[in-house]
């Protein structure tokens, strides 16, 4: 079973930044399609950003220009740099790995944007 561990969440004010990290004891982060998802209270989980095995990235419209997903293969870590955070970015953020017809999830990290 692949283990993914997210970190970096917290409480910030609107306009501030956070960087989320996703690590794993497995090397899967270096070659899988990776994604960040989020789930706000009362809402369905949604895809926020993805990075393919060939490092092509894509973002949901609401975060384009503010969030950046990246992969550091040397550190076996995937990041989500979040800038100009808004109240509506408040959610639990989950790391996802997709490889060989299987998906793996982390436990989530809370991001709260509040004034």
PDB file of N, CA and C in Angstrom:
ATOM      1  N   UNK A   1       0.848  -1.193   0.000  1.00  0.00           N
ATOM      2  CA  UNK A   1       0.000   0.000   0.000  1.00  0.00           C
ATOM      3  C   UNK A   1       0.881   1.239   0.000  1.00  0.00           C
ATOM      4  N   UNK A   2       0.637   2.136  -0.945  1.00  0.00           N
ATOM      5  CA  UNK A   2       1.398   3.372  -1.037  1.00  0.00           C
ATOM      6  C   UNK A   2       0.917   4.346   0.024  1.00  0.00           C
ATOM      7  N   UNK A   3       1.846   4.958   0.708  1.00  0.00           N
ATOM      8  CA  UNK A   3       1.524   5.935   1.737  1.00  0.00           C
ATOM      9  C   UNK A   3       1.900   7.321   1.258  1.00  0.00           C
ATOM     10  N   UNK A   4       0.939   8.239   1.317  1.00  0.00           N
ATOM     11  CA  UNK A   4       1.180   9.634   0.984  1.00  0.00           C
ATOM     12  C   UNK A   4       0.949  10.472   2.230  1.00  0.00           C
ATOM     13  N   UNK A   5       1.830  11.426   2.467  1.00  0.00           N
ATOM     14  CA  UNK A   5       1.730  12.259   3.660  1.00  0.00           C
ATOM     15  C   UNK A   5       1.780  13.722   3.247  1.00  0.00           C
ATOM     16  N   UNK A   6       0.696  14.444   3.553  1.00  0.00           N
ATOM     17  CA  UNK A   6       0.638  15.868   3.262  1.00  0.00           C
ATOM     18  C   UNK A   6       1.059  16.670   4.486  1.00  0.00           C
ATOM     19  N   UNK A   7       1.577  17.846   4.229  1.00  0.00           N
ATOM     20  CA  UNK A   7       1.915  18.775   5.306  1.00  0.00           C
ATOM     21  C   UNK A   7       1.887  20.189   4.747  1.00  0.00           C
ATOM     22  N   UNK A   8       1.910  21.158   5.650  1.00  0.00           N
ATOM     23  CA  UNK A   8       2.006  22.544   5.232  1.00  0.00           C
ATOM     24  C   UNK A   8       0.730  23.348   5.360  1.00  0.00           C
ATOM     25  N   UNK A   9      -0.353  22.695   5.737  1.00  0.00           N
ATOM     26  CA  UNK A   9      -1.585  23.437   5.914  1.00  0.00           C
ATOM     27  C   UNK A   9      -1.532  24.351   7.120  1.00  0.00           C
ATOM     28  N   UNK A  10      -2.551  25.184   7.233  1.00  0.00           N
ATOM     29  CA  UNK A  10      -2.591  26.090   8.376  1.00  0.00           C
ATOM     30  C   UNK A  10      -3.655  27.148   8.221  1.00  0.00           C
ATOM     31  N   UNK A  11      -3.584  28.123   9.107  1.00  0.00           N
ATOM     32  CA  UNK A  11      -4.529  29.238   9.117  1.00  0.00           C
ATOM     33  C   UNK A  11      -3.818  30.486   8.609  1.00  0.00           C
ATOM     34  N   UNK A  12      -4.363  31.076   7.569  1.00  0.00           N
ATOM     35  CA  UNK A  12      -3.771  32.289   7.000  1.00  0.00           C
ATOM     36  C   UNK A  12      -4.864  33.295   6.715  1.00  0.00           C
ATOM     37  N   UNK A  13      -4.446  34.523   6.471  1.00  0.00           N
ATOM     38  CA  UNK A  13      -5.381  35.578   6.107  1.00  0.00           C
ATOM     39  C   UNK A  13      -5.497  35.669   4.581  1.00  0.00           C
ATOM     40  N   UNK A  14      -6.576  36.231   4.096  1.00  0.00           N
ATOM     41  CA  UNK A  14      -6.706  36.414   2.649  1.00  0.00           C
ATOM     42  C   UNK A  14      -5.519  37.181   2.083  1.00  0.00           C
ATOM     43  N   UNK A  15      -5.049  36.723   0.935  1.00  0.00           N
ATOM     44  CA  UNK A  15      -3.910  37.356   0.293  1.00  0.00           C
ATOM     45  C   UNK A  15      -2.569  36.741   0.631  1.00  0.00           C
ATOM     46  N   UNK A  16      -2.542  35.918   1.656  1.00  0.00           N
ATOM     47  CA  UNK A  16      -1.287  35.285   2.060  1.00  0.00           C
ATOM     48  C   UNK A  16      -1.027  34.018   1.258  1.00  0.00           C
ATOM     49  N   UNK A  17       0.130  33.411   1.569  1.00  0.00           N
ATOM     50  CA  UNK A  17       0.558  32.227   0.811  1.00  0.00           C
ATOM     51  C   UNK A  17       0.797  31.045   1.736  1.00  0.00           C
ATOM     52  N   UNK A  18       0.713  29.856   1.154  1.00  0.00           N
ATOM     53  CA  UNK A  18       1.073  28.615   1.825  1.00  0.00           C
ATOM     54  C   UNK A  18       1.675  27.680   0.785  1.00  0.00           C
ATOM     55  N   UNK A  19       2.539  26.788   1.259  1.00  0.00           N
ATOM     56  CA  UNK A  19       3.046  25.750   0.383  1.00  0.00           C
ATOM     57  C   UNK A  19       2.756  24.393   1.012  1.00  0.00           C
ATOM     58  N   UNK A  20       2.022  23.587   0.302  1.00  0.00           N
ATOM     59  CA  UNK A  20       1.733  22.231   0.747  1.00  0.00           C
ATOM     60  C   UNK A  20       2.759  21.273   0.167  1.00  0.00           C
ATOM     61  N   UNK A  21       3.076  20.256   0.952  1.00  0.00           N
ATOM     62  CA  UNK A  21       4.007  19.228   0.496  1.00  0.00           C
ATOM     63  C   UNK A  21       3.357  17.861   0.602  1.00  0.00           C
ATOM     64  N   UNK A  22       3.723  16.993  -0.314  1.00  0.00           N
ATOM     65  CA  UNK A  22       3.260  15.601  -0.304  1.00  0.00           C
ATOM     66  C   UNK A  22       4.484  14.712  -0.468  1.00  0.00           C
ATOM     67  N   UNK A  23       4.722  13.863   0.509  1.00  0.00           N
ATOM     68  CA  UNK A  23       5.865  12.966   0.449  1.00  0.00           C
ATOM     69  C   UNK A  23       5.407  11.528   0.611  1.00  0.00           C
ATOM     70  N   UNK A  24       6.331  10.607   0.333  1.00  0.00           N
ATOM     71  CA  UNK A  24       6.010   9.197   0.455  1.00  0.00           C
ATOM     72  C   UNK A  24       7.285   8.391   0.664  1.00  0.00           C
ATOM     73  N   UNK A  25       7.204   7.308   1.418  1.00  0.00           N
ATOM     74  CA  UNK A  25       8.361   6.412   1.533  1.00  0.00           C
ATOM     75  C   UNK A  25       8.649   5.714   0.210  1.00  0.00           C
ATOM     76  N   UNK A  26       7.636   5.686  -0.665  1.00  0.00           N
ATOM     77  CA  UNK A  26       7.791   5.035  -1.965  1.00  0.00           C
ATOM     78  C   UNK A  26       8.246   6.050  -3.001  1.00  0.00           C
ATOM     79  N   UNK A  27       8.838   5.542  -4.062  1.00  0.00           N
ATOM     80  CA  UNK A  27       9.324   6.423  -5.107  1.00  0.00           C
ATOM     81  C   UNK A  27       8.237   6.795  -6.108  1.00  0.00           C
ATOM     82  N   UNK A  28       7.005   6.428  -5.794  1.00  0.00           N
ATOM     83  CA  UNK A  28       5.908   6.632  -6.740  1.00  0.00           C
ATOM     84  C   UNK A  28       5.758   8.091  -7.133  1.00  0.00           C
ATOM     85  N   UNK A  29       6.094   9.008  -6.205  1.00  0.00           N
ATOM     86  CA  UNK A  29       5.929  10.426  -6.513  1.00  0.00           C
ATOM     87  C   UNK A  29       6.824  10.874  -7.654  1.00  0.00           C
ATOM     88  N   UNK A  30       7.860  10.120  -7.939  1.00  0.00           N
ATOM     89  CA  UNK A  30       8.784  10.532  -8.989  1.00  0.00           C
ATOM     90  C   UNK A  30       8.301  10.165 -10.387  1.00  0.00           C
ATOM     91  N   UNK A  31       7.295   9.264 -10.479  1.00  0.00           N
ATOM     92  CA  UNK A  31       6.888   8.850 -11.822  1.00  0.00           C
ATOM     93  C   UNK A  31       5.378   8.761 -12.039  1.00  0.00           C
ATOM     94  N   UNK A  32       4.593   8.909 -10.991  1.00  0.00           N
ATOM     95  CA  UNK A  32       3.139   8.810 -11.142  1.00  0.00           C
ATOM     96  C   UNK A  32       2.540  10.142 -11.572  1.00  0.00           C
ATOM     97  N   UNK A  33       1.323  10.082 -12.069  1.00  0.00           N
ATOM     98  CA  UNK A  33       0.520  11.286 -12.221  1.00  0.00           C
ATOM     99  C   UNK A  33       0.091  11.699 -10.818  1.00  0.00           C
ATOM    100  N   UNK A  34       0.391  12.942 -10.472  1.00  0.00           N
ATOM    101  CA  UNK A  34       0.104  13.409  -9.121  1.00  0.00           C
ATOM    102  C   UNK A  34      -0.905  14.548  -9.167  1.00  0.00           C
ATOM    103  N   UNK A  35      -1.691  14.639  -8.115  1.00  0.00           N
ATOM    104  CA  UNK A  35      -2.668  15.717  -8.069  1.00  0.00           C
ATOM    105  C   UNK A  35      -2.933  16.192  -6.663  1.00  0.00           C
ATOM    106  N   UNK A  36      -3.416  17.403  -6.588  1.00  0.00           N
ATOM    107  CA  UNK A  36      -3.933  17.959  -5.332  1.00  0.00           C
ATOM    108  C   UNK A  36      -5.429  18.155  -5.505  1.00  0.00           C
ATOM    109  N   UNK A  37      -6.179  17.660  -4.545  1.00  0.00           N
ATOM    110  CA  UNK A  37      -7.617  17.805  -4.505  1.00  0.00           C
ATOM    111  C   UNK A  37      -7.976  18.546  -3.227  1.00  0.00           C
ATOM    112  N   UNK A  38      -9.181  19.070  -3.173  1.00  0.00           N
ATOM    113  CA  UNK A  38      -9.642  19.694  -1.939  1.00  0.00           C
ATOM    114  C   UNK A  38     -11.127  19.424  -1.740  1.00  0.00           C
ATOM    115  N   UNK A  39     -11.497  19.459  -0.482  1.00  0.00           N
ATOM    116  CA  UNK A  39     -12.897  19.260  -0.124  1.00  0.00           C
ATOM    117  C   UNK A  39     -13.272  20.245   0.962  1.00  0.00           C
ATOM    118  N   UNK A  40     -14.193  21.122   0.614  1.00  0.00           N
ATOM    119  CA  UNK A  40     -14.715  22.093   1.576  1.00  0.00           C
ATOM    120  C   UNK A  40     -15.926  21.493   2.276  1.00  0.00           C
ATOM    121  N   UNK A  41     -16.266  21.995   3.452  1.00  0.00           N
ATOM    122  CA  UNK A  41     -17.420  21.464   4.185  1.00  0.00           C
ATOM    123  C   UNK A  41     -18.684  21.515   3.334  1.00  0.00           C
ATOM    124  N   UNK A  42     -19.369  20.393   3.250  1.00  0.00           N
ATOM    125  CA  UNK A  42     -20.619  20.340   2.517  1.00  0.00           C
ATOM    126  C   UNK A  42     -20.484  20.278   1.019  1.00  0.00           C
ATOM    127  N   UNK A  43     -19.251  20.181   0.535  1.00  0.00           N
ATOM    128  CA  UNK A  43     -19.027  20.145  -0.915  1.00  0.00           C
ATOM    129  C   UNK A  43     -18.320  18.870  -1.318  1.00  0.00           C
ATOM    130  N   UNK A  44     -18.388  18.560  -2.595  1.00  0.00           N
ATOM    131  CA  UNK A  44     -17.685  17.393  -3.113  1.00  0.00           C
ATOM    132  C   UNK A  44     -16.202  17.688  -3.256  1.00  0.00           C
ATOM    133  N   UNK A  45     -15.419  16.625  -3.208  1.00  0.00           N
ATOM    134  CA  UNK A  45     -13.990  16.773  -3.434  1.00  0.00           C
ATOM    135  C   UNK A  45     -13.770  17.178  -4.888  1.00  0.00           C
ATOM    136  N   UNK A  46     -12.869  18.143  -5.083  1.00  0.00           N
ATOM    137  CA  UNK A  46     -12.599  18.627  -6.431  1.00  0.00           C
ATOM    138  C   UNK A  46     -11.106  18.617  -6.711  1.00  0.00           C
ATOM    139  N   UNK A  47     -10.778  18.445  -7.975  1.00  0.00           N
ATOM    140  CA  UNK A  47      -9.388  18.513  -8.395  1.00  0.00           C
ATOM    141  C   UNK A  47      -8.941  19.967  -8.425  1.00  0.00           C
ATOM    142  N   UNK A  48      -7.769  20.234  -7.890  1.00  0.00           N
ATOM    143  CA  UNK A  48      -7.216  21.584  -7.862  1.00  0.00           C
ATOM    144  C   UNK A  48      -6.094  21.726  -8.880  1.00  0.00           C
ATOM    145  N   UNK A  49      -5.171  20.781  -8.859  1.00  0.00           N
ATOM    146  CA  UNK A  49      -4.013  20.846  -9.750  1.00  0.00           C
ATOM    147  C   UNK A  49      -3.490  19.445  -9.987  1.00  0.00           C
ATOM    148  N   UNK A  50      -2.987  19.228 -11.185  1.00  0.00           N
ATOM    149  CA  UNK A  50      -2.405  17.933 -11.513  1.00  0.00           C
ATOM    150  C   UNK A  50      -1.073  18.135 -12.225  1.00  0.00           C
ATOM    151  N   UNK A  51      -0.200  17.158 -12.060  1.00  0.00           N
ATOM    152  CA  UNK A  51       1.062  17.131 -12.800  1.00  0.00           C
ATOM    153  C   UNK A  51       1.241  15.700 -13.285  1.00  0.00           C
ATOM    154  N   UNK A  52       1.394  15.559 -14.592  1.00  0.00           N
ATOM    155  CA  UNK A  52       1.486  14.209 -15.155  1.00  0.00           C
ATOM    156  C   UNK A  52       2.892  13.651 -14.991  1.00  0.00           C
ATOM    157  N   UNK A  53       3.036  12.407 -15.378  1.00  0.00           N
ATOM    158  CA  UNK A  53       4.341  11.755 -15.299  1.00  0.00           C
ATOM    159  C   UNK A  53       5.368  12.449 -16.181  1.00  0.00           C
ATOM    160  N   UNK A  54       4.891  13.187 -17.180  1.00  0.00           N
ATOM    161  CA  UNK A  54       5.792  13.958 -18.056  1.00  0.00           C
ATOM    162  C   UNK A  54       5.822  15.434 -17.673  1.00  0.00           C
ATOM    163  N   UNK A  55       5.309  15.721 -16.461  1.00  0.00           N
ATOM    164  CA  UNK A  55       5.359  17.072 -15.888  1.00  0.00           C
ATOM    165  C   UNK A  55       4.526  18.110 -16.630  1.00  0.00           C
ATOM    166  N   UNK A  56       3.477  17.651 -17.261  1.00  0.00           N
ATOM    167  CA  UNK A  56       2.480  18.585 -17.785  1.00  0.00           C
ATOM    168  C   UNK A  56       1.536  18.919 -16.646  1.00  0.00           C
ATOM    169  N   UNK A  57       1.234  20.195 -16.499  1.00  0.00           N
ATOM    170  CA  UNK A  57       0.403  20.640 -15.390  1.00  0.00           C
ATOM    171  C   UNK A  57      -0.935  21.184 -15.878  1.00  0.00           C
ATOM    172  N   UNK A  58      -1.906  21.115 -14.996  1.00  0.00           N
ATOM    173  CA  UNK A  58      -3.219  21.675 -15.285  1.00  0.00           C
ATOM    174  C   UNK A  58      -3.858  22.077 -13.970  1.00  0.00           C
ATOM    175  N   UNK A  59      -4.739  23.074 -14.044  1.00  0.00           N
ATOM    176  CA  UNK A  59      -5.339  23.636 -12.842  1.00  0.00           C
ATOM    177  C   UNK A  59      -6.822  23.876 -13.046  1.00  0.00           C
ATOM    178  N   UNK A  60      -7.562  23.796 -11.961  1.00  0.00           N
ATOM    179  CA  UNK A  60      -8.936  24.218 -12.036  1.00  0.00           C
ATOM    180  C   UNK A  60      -8.972  25.725 -12.221  1.00  0.00           C
ATOM    181  N   UNK A  61      -9.990  26.199 -12.888  1.00  0.00           N
ATOM    182  CA  UNK A  61     -10.027  27.599 -13.300  1.00  0.00           C
ATOM    183  C   UNK A  61      -9.868  28.561 -12.138  1.00  0.00           C
ATOM    184  N   UNK A  62     -10.439  28.248 -11.004  1.00  0.00           N
ATOM    185  CA  UNK A  62     -10.463  29.189  -9.882  1.00  0.00           C
ATOM    186  C   UNK A  62      -9.089  29.428  -9.253  1.00  0.00           C
ATOM    187  N   UNK A  63      -8.109  28.576  -9.557  1.00  0.00           N
ATOM    188  CA  UNK A  63      -6.786  28.756  -8.946  1.00  0.00           C
ATOM    189  C   UNK A  63      -5.716  29.099  -9.974  1.00  0.00           C
ATOM    190  N   UNK A  64      -6.065  29.158 -11.236  1.00  0.00           N
ATOM    191  CA  UNK A  64      -5.077  29.471 -12.268  1.00  0.00           C
ATOM    192  C   UNK A  64      -4.453  30.830 -12.002  1.00  0.00           C
ATOM    193  N   UNK A  65      -3.137  30.872 -12.103  1.00  0.00           N
ATOM    194  CA  UNK A  65      -2.414  32.109 -11.844  1.00  0.00           C
ATOM    195  C   UNK A  65      -2.081  32.329 -10.382  1.00  0.00           C
ATOM    196  N   UNK A  66      -2.661  31.533  -9.486  1.00  0.00           N
ATOM    197  CA  UNK A  66      -2.386  31.680  -8.056  1.00  0.00           C
ATOM    198  C   UNK A  66      -1.677  30.454  -7.475  1.00  0.00           C
ATOM    199  N   UNK A  67      -1.994  29.282  -7.970  1.00  0.00           N
ATOM    200  CA  UNK A  67      -1.420  28.036  -7.457  1.00  0.00           C
ATOM    201  C   UNK A  67      -0.447  27.456  -8.469  1.00  0.00           C
ATOM    202  N   UNK A  68       0.581  26.799  -7.945  1.00  0.00           N
ATOM    203  CA  UNK A  68       1.554  26.125  -8.797  1.00  0.00           C
ATOM    204  C   UNK A  68       1.863  24.747  -8.225  1.00  0.00           C
ATOM    205  N   UNK A  69       1.716  23.729  -9.041  1.00  0.00           N
ATOM    206  CA  UNK A  69       2.073  22.375  -8.640  1.00  0.00           C
ATOM    207  C   UNK A  69       3.437  22.050  -9.230  1.00  0.00           C
ATOM    208  N   UNK A  70       4.254  21.369  -8.439  1.00  0.00           N
ATOM    209  CA  UNK A  70       5.587  21.013  -8.934  1.00  0.00           C
ATOM    210  C   UNK A  70       6.028  19.710  -8.290  1.00  0.00           C
ATOM    211  N   UNK A  71       7.044  19.126  -8.907  1.00  0.00           N
ATOM    212  CA  UNK A  71       7.559  17.845  -8.420  1.00  0.00           C
ATOM    213  C   UNK A  71       9.067  17.953  -8.260  1.00  0.00           C
ATOM    214  N   UNK A  72       9.575  17.543  -7.123  1.00  0.00           N
ATOM    215  CA  UNK A  72      11.015  17.490  -6.879  1.00  0.00           C
ATOM    216  C   UNK A  72      11.388  16.021  -6.740  1.00  0.00           C
ATOM    217  N   UNK A  73      11.930  15.445  -7.816  1.00  0.00           N
ATOM    218  CA  UNK A  73      12.213  14.015  -7.788  1.00  0.00           C
ATOM    219  C   UNK A  73      13.342  13.678  -6.819  1.00  0.00           C
ATOM    220  N   UNK A  74      14.271  14.594  -6.642  1.00  0.00           N
ATOM    221  CA  UNK A  74      15.379  14.335  -5.710  1.00  0.00           C
ATOM    222  C   UNK A  74      14.869  14.209  -4.278  1.00  0.00           C
ATOM    223  N   UNK A  75      13.850  14.972  -3.956  1.00  0.00           N
ATOM    224  CA  UNK A  75      13.277  14.933  -2.609  1.00  0.00           C
ATOM    225  C   UNK A  75      12.043  14.047  -2.523  1.00  0.00           C
ATOM    226  N   UNK A  76      11.664  13.463  -3.652  1.00  0.00           N
ATOM    227  CA  UNK A  76      10.480  12.600  -3.675  1.00  0.00           C
ATOM    228  C   UNK A  76       9.275  13.326  -3.069  1.00  0.00           C
ATOM    229  N   UNK A  77       9.072  14.549  -3.536  1.00  0.00           N
ATOM    230  CA  UNK A  77       8.037  15.414  -2.972  1.00  0.00           C
ATOM    231  C   UNK A  77       7.304  16.144  -4.084  1.00  0.00           C
ATOM    232  N   UNK A  78       6.012  16.291  -3.892  1.00  0.00           N
ATOM    233  CA  UNK A  78       5.192  17.113  -4.776  1.00  0.00           C
ATOM    234  C   UNK A  78       4.680  18.286  -3.954  1.00  0.00           C
ATOM    235  N   UNK A  79       4.738  19.461  -4.542  1.00  0.00           N
ATOM    236  CA  UNK A  79       4.353  20.682  -3.837  1.00  0.00           C
ATOM    237  C   UNK A  79       3.118  21.313  -4.476  1.00  0.00           C
ATOM    238  N   UNK A  80       2.416  22.063  -3.659  1.00  0.00           N
ATOM    239  CA  UNK A  80       1.383  22.963  -4.161  1.00  0.00           C
ATOM    240  C   UNK A  80       1.644  24.319  -3.538  1.00  0.00           C
ATOM    241  N   UNK A  81       2.192  25.215  -4.330  1.00  0.00           N
ATOM    242  CA  UNK A  81       2.418  26.591  -3.873  1.00  0.00           C
ATOM    243  C   UNK A  81       1.133  27.366  -4.094  1.00  0.00           C
ATOM    244  N   UNK A  82       0.608  27.923  -3.036  1.00  0.00           N
ATOM    245  CA  UNK A  82      -0.652  28.656  -3.103  1.00  0.00           C
ATOM    246  C   UNK A  82      -0.399  30.108  -2.740  1.00  0.00           C
ATOM    247  N   UNK A  83      -0.760  31.001  -3.632  1.00  0.00           N
ATOM    248  CA  UNK A  83      -0.573  32.432  -3.410  1.00  0.00           C
ATOM    249  C   UNK A  83      -1.919  33.134  -3.473  1.00  0.00           C
ATOM    250  N   UNK A  84      -1.922  34.338  -2.929  1.00  0.00           N
ATOM    251  CA  UNK A  84      -3.144  35.170  -2.936  1.00  0.00           C
ATOM    252  C   UNK A  84      -4.345  34.325  -2.539  1.00  0.00           C
ATOM    253  N   UNK A  85      -4.235  33.706  -1.392  1.00  0.00           N
ATOM    254  CA  UNK A  85      -5.305  32.827  -0.940  1.00  0.00           C
ATOM    255  C   UNK A  85      -6.582  33.607  -0.666  1.00  0.00           C
ATOM    256  N   UNK A  86      -7.687  32.950  -0.962  1.00  0.00           N
ATOM    257  CA  UNK A  86      -8.996  33.552  -0.792  1.00  0.00           C
ATOM    258  C   UNK A  86      -9.809  32.747   0.233  1.00  0.00           C
ATOM    259  N   UNK A  87     -10.846  33.363   0.739  1.00  0.00           N
ATOM    260  CA  UNK A  87     -11.692  32.680   1.716  1.00  0.00           C
ATOM    261  C   UNK A  87     -12.204  31.353   1.155  1.00  0.00           C
ATOM    262  N   UNK A  88     -12.524  31.346  -0.132  1.00  0.00           N
ATOM    263  CA  UNK A  88     -13.095  30.154  -0.758  1.00  0.00           C
ATOM    264  C   UNK A  88     -12.076  29.046  -1.006  1.00  0.00           C
ATOM    265  N   UNK A  89     -10.822  29.300  -0.700  1.00  0.00           N
ATOM    266  CA  UNK A  89      -9.816  28.240  -0.791  1.00  0.00           C
ATOM    267  C   UNK A  89      -9.790  27.365   0.466  1.00  0.00           C
ATOM    268  N   UNK A  90     -10.544  27.754   1.453  1.00  0.00           N
ATOM    269  CA  UNK A  90     -10.610  26.979   2.687  1.00  0.00           C
ATOM    270  C   UNK A  90     -11.140  25.586   2.410  1.00  0.00           C
ATOM    271  N   UNK A  91     -10.374  24.577   2.808  1.00  0.00           N
ATOM    272  CA  UNK A  91     -10.755  23.183   2.553  1.00  0.00           C
ATOM    273  C   UNK A  91      -9.698  22.261   3.148  1.00  0.00           C
ATOM    274  N   UNK A  92     -10.011  20.981   3.147  1.00  0.00           N
ATOM    275  CA  UNK A  92      -8.990  19.971   3.401  1.00  0.00           C
ATOM    276  C   UNK A  92      -8.379  19.613   2.049  1.00  0.00           C
ATOM    277  N   UNK A  93      -7.068  19.685   1.979  1.00  0.00           N
ATOM    278  CA  UNK A  93      -6.352  19.418   0.733  1.00  0.00           C
ATOM    279  C   UNK A  93      -5.731  18.023   0.800  1.00  0.00           C
ATOM    280  N   UNK A  94      -5.946  17.265  -0.277  1.00  0.00           N
ATOM    281  CA  UNK A  94      -5.483  15.884  -0.345  1.00  0.00           C
ATOM    282  C   UNK A  94      -4.509  15.706  -1.504  1.00  0.00           C
ATOM    283  N   UNK A  95      -3.496  14.921  -1.251  1.00  0.00           N
ATOM    284  CA  UNK A  95      -2.557  14.519  -2.294  1.00  0.00           C
ATOM    285  C   UNK A  95      -3.053  13.216  -2.902  1.00  0.00           C
ATOM    286  N   UNK A  96      -2.902  13.090  -4.203  1.00  0.00           N
ATOM    287  CA  UNK A  96      -3.362  11.904  -4.929  1.00  0.00           C
ATOM    288  C   UNK A  96      -2.281  11.437  -5.892  1.00  0.00           C
ATOM    289  N   UNK A  97      -2.092  10.130  -5.929  1.00  0.00           N
ATOM    290  CA  UNK A  97      -1.163   9.533  -6.893  1.00  0.00           C
ATOM    291  C   UNK A  97      -1.926   8.516  -7.732  1.00  0.00           C
ATOM    292  N   UNK A  98      -1.748   8.596  -9.026  1.00  0.00           N
ATOM    293  CA  UNK A  98      -2.408   7.661  -9.937  1.00  0.00           C
ATOM    294  C   UNK A  98      -1.345   6.932 -10.736  1.00  0.00           C
ATOM    295  N   UNK A  99      -1.352   5.608 -10.636  1.00  0.00           N
ATOM    296  CA  UNK A  99      -0.323   4.809 -11.314  1.00  0.00           C
ATOM    297  C   UNK A  99      -0.828   3.399 -11.510  1.00  0.00           C
ATOM    298  N   UNK A 100      -0.665   2.904 -12.713  1.00  0.00           N
ATOM    299  CA  UNK A 100      -0.969   1.503 -13.005  1.00  0.00           C
ATOM    300  C   UNK A 100      -2.389   1.142 -12.596  1.00  0.00           C
ATOM    301  N   UNK A 101      -3.339   1.984 -13.007  1.00  0.00           N
ATOM    302  CA  UNK A 101      -4.769   1.767 -12.789  1.00  0.00           C
ATOM    303  C   UNK A 101      -5.152   1.782 -11.305  1.00  0.00           C
ATOM    304  N   UNK A 102      -4.325   2.329 -10.465  1.00  0.00           N
ATOM    305  CA  UNK A 102      -4.640   2.453  -9.051  1.00  0.00           C
ATOM    306  C   UNK A 102      -4.479   3.905  -8.615  1.00  0.00           C
ATOM    307  N   UNK A 103      -5.208   4.251  -7.559  1.00  0.00           N
ATOM    308  CA  UNK A 103      -5.111   5.589  -6.997  1.00  0.00           C
ATOM    309  C   UNK A 103      -4.819   5.490  -5.512  1.00  0.00           C
ATOM    310  N   UNK A 104      -4.054   6.449  -5.043  1.00  0.00           N
ATOM    311  CA  UNK A 104      -3.674   6.490  -3.639  1.00  0.00           C
ATOM    312  C   UNK A 104      -3.916   7.889  -3.115  1.00  0.00           C
ATOM    313  N   UNK A 105      -4.308   7.958  -1.846  1.00  0.00           N
ATOM    314  CA  UNK A 105      -4.648   9.239  -1.223  1.00  0.00           C
ATOM    315  C   UNK A 105      -3.909   9.415   0.088  1.00  0.00           C
ATOM    316  N   UNK A 106      -3.609  10.674   0.370  1.00  0.00           N
ATOM    317  CA  UNK A 106      -3.089  11.009   1.683  1.00  0.00           C
ATOM    318  C   UNK A 106      -4.244  11.255   2.641  1.00  0.00           C
ATOM    319  N   UNK A 107      -3.893  11.606   3.866  1.00  0.00           N
ATOM    320  CA  UNK A 107      -4.905  11.803   4.899  1.00  0.00           C
ATOM    321  C   UNK A 107      -5.482  13.208   4.876  1.00  0.00           C
ATOM    322  N   UNK A 108      -4.850  14.109   4.168  1.00  0.00           N
ATOM    323  CA  UNK A 108      -5.348  15.474   4.049  1.00  0.00           C
ATOM    324  C   UNK A 108      -4.695  16.436   5.023  1.00  0.00           C
ATOM    325  N   UNK A 109      -4.658  17.690   4.619  1.00  0.00           N
ATOM    326  CA  UNK A 109      -4.158  18.757   5.472  1.00  0.00           C
ATOM    327  C   UNK A 109      -5.114  19.939   5.362  1.00  0.00           C
ATOM    328  N   UNK A 110      -5.438  20.527   6.494  1.00  0.00           N
ATOM    329  CA  UNK A 110      -6.438  21.596   6.531  1.00  0.00           C
ATOM    330  C   UNK A 110      -5.807  22.932   6.150  1.00  0.00           C
ATOM    331  N   UNK A 111      -6.463  23.621   5.247  1.00  0.00           N
ATOM    332  CA  UNK A 111      -6.108  24.991   4.901  1.00  0.00           C
ATOM    333  C   UNK A 111      -7.304  25.871   5.231  1.00  0.00           C
ATOM    334  N   UNK A 112      -7.083  26.842   6.092  1.00  0.00           N
ATOM    335  CA  UNK A 112      -8.148  27.757   6.482  1.00  0.00           C
ATOM    336  C   UNK A 112      -7.722  29.176   6.174  1.00  0.00           C
ATOM    337  N   UNK A 113      -8.522  29.847   5.369  1.00  0.00           N
ATOM    338  CA  UNK A 113      -8.271  31.247   5.022  1.00  0.00           C
ATOM    339  C   UNK A 113      -9.358  32.064   5.699  1.00  0.00           C
ATOM    340  N   UNK A 114      -8.933  32.901   6.607  1.00  0.00           N
ATOM    341  CA  UNK A 114      -9.900  33.653   7.396  1.00  0.00           C
ATOM    342  C   UNK A 114      -9.323  35.001   7.791  1.00  0.00           C
ATOM    343  N   UNK A 115     -10.170  36.016   7.796  1.00  0.00           N
ATOM    344  CA  UNK A 115      -9.740  37.343   8.225  1.00  0.00           C
ATOM    345  C   UNK A 115     -10.063  37.548   9.700  1.00  0.00           C
TER     346      UNK A 115
END
